PDB file of N, CA and C in Angstrom:
ATOM      1  N   MET A   1      16.008 -30.935  15.598  1.00  0.00           N
ATOM      2  CA  MET A   1      14.976 -30.178  14.908  1.00  0.00           C
ATOM      3  C   MET A   1      14.286 -31.032  13.844  1.00  0.00           C
ATOM      4  N   ARG A   2      15.078 -31.808  13.099  1.00  0.00           N
ATOM      5  CA  ARG A   2      14.508 -32.662  12.052  1.00  0.00           C
ATOM      6  C   ARG A   2      13.518 -33.657  12.650  1.00  0.00           C
ATOM      7  N   ASP A   3      13.859 -34.252  13.792  1.00  0.00           N
ATOM      8  CA  ASP A   3      12.954 -35.228  14.418  1.00  0.00           C
ATOM      9  C   ASP A   3      11.658 -34.566  14.860  1.00  0.00           C
ATOM     10  N   ASP A   4      11.751 -33.328  15.355  1.00  0.00           N
ATOM     11  CA  ASP A   4      10.562 -32.587  15.764  1.00  0.00           C
ATOM     12  C   ASP A   4       9.674 -32.306  14.553  1.00  0.00           C
ATOM     13  N   ILE A   5      10.276 -31.882  13.460  1.00  0.00           N
ATOM     14  CA  ILE A   5       9.510 -31.605  12.243  1.00  0.00           C
ATOM     15  C   ILE A   5       8.875 -32.897  11.724  1.00  0.00           C
ATOM     16  N   ALA A   6       9.634 -33.985  11.707  1.00  0.00           N
ATOM     17  CA  ALA A   6       9.100 -35.268  11.230  1.00  0.00           C
ATOM     18  C   ALA A   6       7.912 -35.696  12.082  1.00  0.00           C
ATOM     19  N   GLN A   7       8.003 -35.506  13.384  1.00  0.00           N
ATOM     20  CA  GLN A   7       6.896 -35.879  14.273  1.00  0.00           C
ATOM     21  C   GLN A   7       5.663 -35.020  13.982  1.00  0.00           C
ATOM     22  N   ARG A   8       5.884 -33.745  13.739  1.00  0.00           N
ATOM     23  CA  ARG A   8       4.765 -32.852  13.412  1.00  0.00           C
ATOM     24  C   ARG A   8       4.157 -33.208  12.055  1.00  0.00           C
ATOM     25  N   VAL A   9       4.989 -33.622  11.100  1.00  0.00           N
ATOM     26  CA  VAL A   9       4.493 -34.072   9.794  1.00  0.00           C
ATOM     27  C   VAL A   9       3.617 -35.314   9.985  1.00  0.00           C
ATOM     28  N   LYS A  10       4.092 -36.249  10.774  1.00  0.00           N
ATOM     29  CA  LYS A  10       3.316 -37.477  11.023  1.00  0.00           C
ATOM     30  C   LYS A  10       1.984 -37.161  11.687  1.00  0.00           C
ATOM     31  N   GLN A  11       2.009 -36.254  12.652  1.00  0.00           N
ATOM     32  CA  GLN A  11       0.774 -35.856  13.323  1.00  0.00           C
ATOM     33  C   GLN A  11      -0.190 -35.207  12.327  1.00  0.00           C
ATOM     34  N   ALA A  12       0.332 -34.348  11.455  1.00  0.00           N
ATOM     35  CA  ALA A  12      -0.501 -33.698  10.440  1.00  0.00           C
ATOM     36  C   ALA A  12      -1.086 -34.730   9.473  1.00  0.00           C
ATOM     37  N   LEU A  13      -0.297 -35.755   9.130  1.00  0.00           N
ATOM     38  CA  LEU A  13      -0.792 -36.819   8.251  1.00  0.00           C
ATOM     39  C   LEU A  13      -1.942 -37.569   8.908  1.00  0.00           C
ATOM     40  N   VAL A  14      -1.769 -37.921  10.172  1.00  0.00           N
ATOM     41  CA  VAL A  14      -2.812 -38.662  10.891  1.00  0.00           C
ATOM     42  C   VAL A  14      -4.090 -37.833  10.957  1.00  0.00           C
ATOM     43  N   GLN A  15      -3.949 -36.555  11.284  1.00  0.00           N
ATOM     44  CA  GLN A  15      -5.128 -35.692  11.377  1.00  0.00           C
ATOM     45  C   GLN A  15      -5.733 -35.412  10.005  1.00  0.00           C
ATOM     46  N   GLY A  16      -4.888 -35.037   9.046  1.00  0.00           N
ATOM     47  CA  GLY A  16      -5.379 -34.672   7.718  1.00  0.00           C
ATOM     48  C   GLY A  16      -6.034 -35.825   6.977  1.00  0.00           C
ATOM     49  N   LEU A  17      -5.484 -37.018   7.155  1.00  0.00           N
ATOM     50  CA  LEU A  17      -6.018 -38.196   6.469  1.00  0.00           C
ATOM     51  C   LEU A  17      -6.979 -38.995   7.336  1.00  0.00           C
ATOM     52  N   GLN A  18      -7.188 -38.505   8.565  1.00  0.00           N
ATOM     53  CA  GLN A  18      -8.064 -39.174   9.528  1.00  0.00           C
ATOM     54  C   GLN A  18      -7.701 -40.651   9.670  1.00  0.00           C
ATOM     55  N   LEU A  19      -6.391 -40.882   9.846  1.00  0.00           N
ATOM     56  CA  LEU A  19      -5.891 -42.249  10.012  1.00  0.00           C
ATOM     57  C   LEU A  19      -6.158 -42.735  11.427  1.00  0.00           C
ATOM     58  N   LYS A  20      -6.386 -43.991  11.563  1.00  0.00           N
ATOM     59  CA  LYS A  20      -6.641 -44.581  12.875  1.00  0.00           C
ATOM     60  C   LYS A  20      -5.384 -45.285  13.377  1.00  0.00           C
ATOM     61  N   ILE A  21      -4.253 -44.575  13.301  1.00  0.00           N
ATOM     62  CA  ILE A  21      -2.980 -45.094  13.790  1.00  0.00           C
ATOM     63  C   ILE A  21      -2.288 -43.985  14.576  1.00  0.00           C
ATOM     64  N   ASN A  22      -1.306 -44.368  15.355  1.00  0.00           N
ATOM     65  CA  ASN A  22      -0.503 -43.392  16.076  1.00  0.00           C
ATOM     66  C   ASN A  22       0.550 -42.820  15.143  1.00  0.00           C
ATOM     67  N   PRO A  23       0.838 -41.521  15.258  1.00  0.00           N
ATOM     68  CA  PRO A  23       1.868 -40.925  14.403  1.00  0.00           C
ATOM     69  C   PRO A  23       3.206 -41.661  14.510  1.00  0.00           C
ATOM     70  N   GLU A  24       3.528 -42.171  15.692  1.00  0.00           N
ATOM     71  CA  GLU A  24       4.794 -42.875  15.903  1.00  0.00           C
ATOM     72  C   GLU A  24       4.888 -44.163  15.096  1.00  0.00           C
ATOM     73  N   ASP A  25       3.748 -44.672  14.634  1.00  0.00           N
ATOM     74  CA  ASP A  25       3.729 -45.914  13.863  1.00  0.00           C
ATOM     75  C   ASP A  25       4.055 -45.697  12.383  1.00  0.00           C
ATOM     76  N   ILE A  26       4.185 -44.452  11.978  1.00  0.00           N
ATOM     77  CA  ILE A  26       4.516 -44.147  10.586  1.00  0.00           C
ATOM     78  C   ILE A  26       6.036 -44.034  10.471  1.00  0.00           C
ATOM     79  N   ALA A  27       6.615 -44.842   9.602  1.00  0.00           N
ATOM     80  CA  ALA A  27       8.066 -44.800   9.384  1.00  0.00           C
ATOM     81  C   ALA A  27       8.420 -43.581   8.538  1.00  0.00           C
ATOM     82  N   ASP A  28       9.628 -43.044   8.749  1.00  0.00           N
ATOM     83  CA  ASP A  28      10.065 -41.876   7.994  1.00  0.00           C
ATOM     84  C   ASP A  28      10.112 -42.141   6.498  1.00  0.00           C
ATOM     85  N   ASP A  29      10.394 -43.375   6.110  1.00  0.00           N
ATOM     86  CA  ASP A  29      10.497 -43.695   4.681  1.00  0.00           C
ATOM     87  C   ASP A  29       9.247 -44.394   4.138  1.00  0.00           C
ATOM     88  N   GLU A  30       8.172 -44.400   4.920  1.00  0.00           N
ATOM     89  CA  GLU A  30       6.935 -45.033   4.467  1.00  0.00           C
ATOM     90  C   GLU A  30       6.312 -44.235   3.329  1.00  0.00           C
ATOM     91  N   SER A  31       5.932 -44.946   2.290  1.00  0.00           N
ATOM     92  CA  SER A  31       5.292 -44.312   1.141  1.00  0.00           C
ATOM     93  C   SER A  31       3.920 -43.782   1.551  1.00  0.00           C
ATOM     94  N   LEU A  32       3.593 -42.597   1.064  1.00  0.00           N
ATOM     95  CA  LEU A  32       2.292 -42.030   1.376  1.00  0.00           C
ATOM     96  C   LEU A  32       1.206 -42.588   0.462  1.00  0.00           C
ATOM     97  N   PHE A  33       1.601 -43.038  -0.720  1.00  0.00           N
ATOM     98  CA  PHE A  33       0.650 -43.578  -1.686  1.00  0.00           C
ATOM     99  C   PHE A  33       0.828 -45.087  -1.812  1.00  0.00           C
ATOM    100  N   GLY A  34      -0.110 -45.726  -2.489  1.00  0.00           N
ATOM    101  CA  GLY A  34       0.007 -47.165  -2.760  1.00  0.00           C
ATOM    102  C   GLY A  34       0.035 -47.999  -1.496  1.00  0.00           C
ATOM    103  N   GLU A  35       1.016 -48.856  -1.391  1.00  0.00           N
ATOM    104  CA  GLU A  35       1.108 -49.820  -0.290  1.00  0.00           C
ATOM    105  C   GLU A  35       1.414 -49.180   1.057  1.00  0.00           C
ATOM    106  N   GLY A  36       1.829 -47.929   1.061  1.00  0.00           N
ATOM    107  CA  GLY A  36       2.153 -47.255   2.315  1.00  0.00           C
ATOM    108  C   GLY A  36       0.887 -46.843   3.049  1.00  0.00           C
ATOM    109  N   LEU A  37       0.631 -45.548   3.096  1.00  0.00           N
ATOM    110  CA  LEU A  37      -0.553 -45.028   3.783  1.00  0.00           C
ATOM    111  C   LEU A  37      -1.789 -45.024   2.898  1.00  0.00           C
ATOM    112  N   ASP A  38      -1.634 -45.482   1.649  1.00  0.00           N
ATOM    113  CA  ASP A  38      -2.738 -45.640   0.712  1.00  0.00           C
ATOM    114  C   ASP A  38      -3.453 -44.314   0.409  1.00  0.00           C
ATOM    115  N   ALA A  39      -2.694 -43.234   0.348  1.00  0.00           N
ATOM    116  CA  ALA A  39      -3.268 -41.938   0.009  1.00  0.00           C
ATOM    117  C   ALA A  39      -3.555 -41.879  -1.495  1.00  0.00           C
ATOM    118  N   ASP A  40      -4.457 -40.979  -1.866  1.00  0.00           N
ATOM    119  CA  ASP A  40      -4.750 -40.757  -3.283  1.00  0.00           C
ATOM    120  C   ASP A  40      -4.646 -39.259  -3.565  1.00  0.00           C
ATOM    121  N   SER A  41      -5.055 -38.828  -4.740  1.00  0.00           N
ATOM    122  CA  SER A  41      -4.886 -37.421  -5.106  1.00  0.00           C
ATOM    123  C   SER A  41      -5.711 -36.495  -4.209  1.00  0.00           C
ATOM    124  N   ILE A  42      -6.871 -36.924  -3.792  1.00  0.00           N
ATOM    125  CA  ILE A  42      -7.675 -36.124  -2.864  1.00  0.00           C
ATOM    126  C   ILE A  42      -6.963 -36.045  -1.521  1.00  0.00           C
ATOM    127  N   ALA A  43      -6.389 -37.145  -1.093  1.00  0.00           N
ATOM    128  CA  ALA A  43      -5.646 -37.169   0.169  1.00  0.00           C
ATOM    129  C   ALA A  43      -4.441 -36.243   0.110  1.00  0.00           C
ATOM    130  N   ALA A  44      -3.834 -36.112  -1.070  1.00  0.00           N
ATOM    131  CA  ALA A  44      -2.687 -35.208  -1.215  1.00  0.00           C
ATOM    132  C   ALA A  44      -3.098 -33.779  -0.879  1.00  0.00           C
ATOM    133  N   LEU A  45      -4.279 -33.386  -1.293  1.00  0.00           N
ATOM    134  CA  LEU A  45      -4.772 -32.052  -0.946  1.00  0.00           C
ATOM    135  C   LEU A  45      -4.994 -31.919   0.553  1.00  0.00           C
ATOM    136  N   GLU A  46      -5.521 -32.955   1.167  1.00  0.00           N
ATOM    137  CA  GLU A  46      -5.716 -32.945   2.625  1.00  0.00           C
ATOM    138  C   GLU A  46      -4.375 -32.847   3.342  1.00  0.00           C
ATOM    139  N   ILE A  47      -3.377 -33.525   2.803  1.00  0.00           N
ATOM    140  CA  ILE A  47      -2.029 -33.455   3.382  1.00  0.00           C
ATOM    141  C   ILE A  47      -1.505 -32.026   3.298  1.00  0.00           C
ATOM    142  N   VAL A  48      -1.659 -31.399   2.146  1.00  0.00           N
ATOM    143  CA  VAL A  48      -1.198 -30.017   1.967  1.00  0.00           C
ATOM    144  C   VAL A  48      -1.896 -29.102   2.962  1.00  0.00           C
ATOM    145  N   PHE A  49      -3.212 -29.213   3.069  1.00  0.00           N
ATOM    146  CA  PHE A  49      -3.956 -28.359   4.003  1.00  0.00           C
ATOM    147  C   PHE A  49      -3.491 -28.572   5.436  1.00  0.00           C
ATOM    148  N   ALA A  50      -3.289 -29.823   5.823  1.00  0.00           N
ATOM    149  CA  ALA A  50      -2.846 -30.134   7.187  1.00  0.00           C
ATOM    150  C   ALA A  50      -1.455 -29.569   7.461  1.00  0.00           C
ATOM    151  N   LEU A  51      -0.558 -29.687   6.485  1.00  0.00           N
ATOM    152  CA  LEU A  51       0.800 -29.162   6.662  1.00  0.00           C
ATOM    153  C   LEU A  51       0.808 -27.637   6.706  1.00  0.00           C
ATOM    154  N   GLU A  52      -0.004 -27.012   5.861  1.00  0.00           N
ATOM    155  CA  GLU A  52      -0.083 -25.555   5.876  1.00  0.00           C
ATOM    156  C   GLU A  52      -0.565 -25.054   7.232  1.00  0.00           C
ATOM    157  N   GLU A  53      -1.554 -25.729   7.766  1.00  0.00           N
ATOM    158  CA  GLU A  53      -2.078 -25.345   9.081  1.00  0.00           C
ATOM    159  C   GLU A  53      -1.046 -25.588  10.183  1.00  0.00           C
ATOM    160  N   GLU A  54      -0.385 -26.713  10.136  1.00  0.00           N
ATOM    161  CA  GLU A  54       0.592 -27.070  11.175  1.00  0.00           C
ATOM    162  C   GLU A  54       1.802 -26.146  11.173  1.00  0.00           C
ATOM    163  N   PHE A  55       2.296 -25.803   9.987  1.00  0.00           N
ATOM    164  CA  PHE A  55       3.563 -25.068   9.902  1.00  0.00           C
ATOM    165  C   PHE A  55       3.395 -23.590   9.544  1.00  0.00           C
ATOM    166  N   GLY A  56       2.183 -23.158   9.233  1.00  0.00           N
ATOM    167  CA  GLY A  56       1.917 -21.748   9.049  1.00  0.00           C
ATOM    168  C   GLY A  56       2.431 -21.122   7.764  1.00  0.00           C
ATOM    169  N   PHE A  57       2.487 -21.884   6.699  1.00  0.00           N
ATOM    170  CA  PHE A  57       2.833 -21.305   5.394  1.00  0.00           C
ATOM    171  C   PHE A  57       2.020 -22.005   4.317  1.00  0.00           C
ATOM    172  N   GLU A  58       1.917 -21.333   3.164  1.00  0.00           N
ATOM    173  CA  GLU A  58       1.188 -21.912   2.043  1.00  0.00           C
ATOM    174  C   GLU A  58       2.136 -22.630   1.109  1.00  0.00           C
ATOM    175  N   VAL A  59       1.720 -23.795   0.670  1.00  0.00           N
ATOM    176  CA  VAL A  59       2.470 -24.535  -0.340  1.00  0.00           C
ATOM    177  C   VAL A  59       2.052 -23.967  -1.688  1.00  0.00           C
ATOM    178  N   GLU A  60       3.025 -23.463  -2.420  1.00  0.00           N
ATOM    179  CA  GLU A  60       2.742 -22.864  -3.728  1.00  0.00           C
ATOM    180  C   GLU A  60       2.428 -23.955  -4.754  1.00  0.00           C
ATOM    181  N   ASP A  61       1.558 -23.628  -5.704  1.00  0.00           N
ATOM    182  CA  ASP A  61       1.157 -24.596  -6.732  1.00  0.00           C
ATOM    183  C   ASP A  61       2.356 -25.205  -7.453  1.00  0.00           C
ATOM    184  N   GLU A  62       3.359 -24.367  -7.759  1.00  0.00           N
ATOM    185  CA  GLU A  62       4.517 -24.878  -8.494  1.00  0.00           C
ATOM    186  C   GLU A  62       5.380 -25.826  -7.658  1.00  0.00           C
ATOM    187  N   GLU A  63       5.154 -25.851  -6.351  1.00  0.00           N
ATOM    188  CA  GLU A  63       5.902 -26.762  -5.471  1.00  0.00           C
ATOM    189  C   GLU A  63       5.241 -28.138  -5.367  1.00  0.00           C
ATOM    190  N   LEU A  64       4.029 -28.246  -5.845  1.00  0.00           N
ATOM    191  CA  LEU A  64       3.286 -29.500  -5.740  1.00  0.00           C
ATOM    192  C   LEU A  64       3.747 -30.475  -6.815  1.00  0.00           C
ATOM    193  N   ARG A  65       4.677 -31.305  -6.431  1.00  0.00           N
ATOM    194  CA  ARG A  65       5.218 -32.345  -7.310  1.00  0.00           C
ATOM    195  C   ARG A  65       4.997 -33.698  -6.640  1.00  0.00           C
ATOM    196  N   ILE A  66       4.851 -34.717  -7.416  1.00  0.00           N
ATOM    197  CA  ILE A  66       4.600 -36.043  -6.865  1.00  0.00           C
ATOM    198  C   ILE A  66       5.738 -36.499  -5.955  1.00  0.00           C
ATOM    199  N   ASP A  67       6.987 -36.139  -6.277  1.00  0.00           N
ATOM    200  CA  ASP A  67       8.104 -36.583  -5.448  1.00  0.00           C
ATOM    201  C   ASP A  67       8.095 -35.933  -4.068  1.00  0.00           C
ATOM    202  N   LEU A  68       7.412 -34.808  -3.924  1.00  0.00           N
ATOM    203  CA  LEU A  68       7.270 -34.179  -2.612  1.00  0.00           C
ATOM    204  C   LEU A  68       6.526 -35.097  -1.658  1.00  0.00           C
ATOM    205  N   PHE A  69       5.626 -35.895  -2.192  1.00  0.00           N
ATOM    206  CA  PHE A  69       4.771 -36.766  -1.391  1.00  0.00           C
ATOM    207  C   PHE A  69       5.263 -38.215  -1.331  1.00  0.00           C
ATOM    208  N   ASP A  70       6.536 -38.438  -1.638  1.00  0.00           N
ATOM    209  CA  ASP A  70       7.069 -39.800  -1.596  1.00  0.00           C
ATOM    210  C   ASP A  70       6.967 -40.417  -0.199  1.00  0.00           C
ATOM    211  N   SER A  71       7.347 -39.639   0.815  1.00  0.00           N
ATOM    212  CA  SER A  71       7.416 -40.182   2.175  1.00  0.00           C
ATOM    213  C   SER A  71       7.430 -39.047   3.192  1.00  0.00           C
ATOM    214  N   VAL A  72       7.381 -39.426   4.455  1.00  0.00           N
ATOM    215  CA  VAL A  72       7.537 -38.450   5.534  1.00  0.00           C
ATOM    216  C   VAL A  72       8.882 -37.747   5.390  1.00  0.00           C
ATOM    217  N   ARG A  73       9.901 -38.483   5.006  1.00  0.00           N
ATOM    218  CA  ARG A  73      11.245 -37.911   4.856  1.00  0.00           C
ATOM    219  C   ARG A  73      11.274 -36.794   3.814  1.00  0.00           C
ATOM    220  N   THR A  74      10.627 -36.998   2.673  1.00  0.00           N
ATOM    221  CA  THR A  74      10.638 -35.957   1.639  1.00  0.00           C
ATOM    222  C   THR A  74       9.827 -34.740   2.077  1.00  0.00           C
ATOM    223  N   LEU A  75       8.720 -34.968   2.760  1.00  0.00           N
ATOM    224  CA  LEU A  75       7.939 -33.848   3.281  1.00  0.00           C
ATOM    225  C   LEU A  75       8.720 -33.089   4.348  1.00  0.00           C
ATOM    226  N   THR A  76       9.424 -33.813   5.208  1.00  0.00           N
ATOM    227  CA  THR A  76      10.223 -33.187   6.258  1.00  0.00           C
ATOM    228  C   THR A  76      11.327 -32.328   5.655  1.00  0.00           C
ATOM    229  N   SER A  77      12.003 -32.829   4.636  1.00  0.00           N
ATOM    230  CA  SER A  77      13.061 -32.059   3.973  1.00  0.00           C
ATOM    231  C   SER A  77      12.502 -30.787   3.356  1.00  0.00           C
ATOM    232  N   TYR A  78      11.360 -30.909   2.701  1.00  0.00           N
ATOM    233  CA  TYR A  78      10.710 -29.744   2.098  1.00  0.00           C
ATOM    234  C   TYR A  78      10.377 -28.704   3.167  1.00  0.00           C
ATOM    235  N   ILE A  79       9.792 -29.147   4.269  1.00  0.00           N
ATOM    236  CA  ILE A  79       9.386 -28.222   5.324  1.00  0.00           C
ATOM    237  C   ILE A  79      10.599 -27.571   5.973  1.00  0.00           C
ATOM    238  N   GLU A  80      11.667 -28.328   6.173  1.00  0.00           N
ATOM    239  CA  GLU A  80      12.900 -27.740   6.716  1.00  0.00           C
ATOM    240  C   GLU A  80      13.390 -26.592   5.837  1.00  0.00           C
ATOM    241  N   LYS A  81      13.377 -26.805   4.535  1.00  0.00           N
ATOM    242  CA  LYS A  81      13.824 -25.767   3.603  1.00  0.00           C
ATOM    243  C   LYS A  81      12.906 -24.549   3.654  1.00  0.00           C
ATOM    244  N   ARG A  82      11.612 -24.777   3.687  1.00  0.00           N
ATOM    245  CA  ARG A  82      10.655 -23.672   3.756  1.00  0.00           C
ATOM    246  C   ARG A  82      10.807 -22.888   5.050  1.00  0.00           C
ATOM    247  N   LEU A  83      10.949 -23.579   6.166  1.00  0.00           N
ATOM    248  CA  LEU A  83      11.113 -22.895   7.456  1.00  0.00           C
ATOM    249  C   LEU A  83      12.424 -22.115   7.510  1.00  0.00           C
ATOM    250  N   ALA A  84      13.470 -22.655   6.883  1.00  0.00           N
ATOM    251  CA  ALA A  84      14.762 -21.948   6.843  1.00  0.00           C
ATOM    252  C   ALA A  84      14.636 -20.649   6.057  1.00  0.00           C
ATOM    253  N   LEU A  85      13.833 -20.668   5.001  1.00  0.00           N
ATOM    254  CA  LEU A  85      13.630 -19.453   4.202  1.00  0.00           C
ATOM    255  C   LEU A  85      12.857 -18.397   4.981  1.00  0.00           C
ATOM    256  N   GLN A  86      11.989 -18.843   5.883  1.00  0.00           N
ATOM    257  CA  GLN A  86      11.181 -17.918   6.664  1.00  0.00           C
ATOM    258  C   GLN A  86      11.949 -17.349   7.863  1.00  0.00           C
ATOM    259  N   SER A  87      12.949 -18.058   8.337  1.00  0.00           N
ATOM    260  CA  SER A  87      13.683 -17.633   9.530  1.00  0.00           C
ATOM    261  C   SER A  87      14.580 -16.446   9.197  1.00  0.00           C
ATOM    262  N   PRO A  88      14.527 -15.416  10.012  1.00  0.00           N
ATOM    263  CA  PRO A  88      15.427 -14.281   9.777  1.00  0.00           C
ATOM    264  C   PRO A  88      16.864 -14.681  10.093  1.00  0.00           C
ATOM    265  N   THR A  89      17.759 -14.230   9.284  1.00  0.00           N
ATOM    266  CA  THR A  89      19.182 -14.519   9.523  1.00  0.00           C
ATOM    267  C   THR A  89      19.794 -13.363  10.284  1.00  0.00           C
ATOM    268  N   LEU A  90      20.707 -13.674  11.169  1.00  0.00           N
ATOM    269  CA  LEU A  90      21.362 -12.642  11.974  1.00  0.00           C
ATOM    270  C   LEU A  90      22.679 -12.252  11.371  1.00  0.00           C
TER     271      LEU A  90
END
């Protein structure tokens, strides 16, 4: 499940940031800012919009922290937690 979510995160990054690379070329620990994917604060908003569309939930303002955007891995962990909260328990 984690690999599926990570792949969907990478796809959302490529689409949201209009990157000219394959999602598979993004490493799980690649930085989204600076030397990594070179995202900026405007790109962070595009990332949020792309993830909200891909996974069907809204990212709350209080959840928007810089460490959330460290890497694909941190975004994947966040999304796993959010999806777990949405899943009904039996």
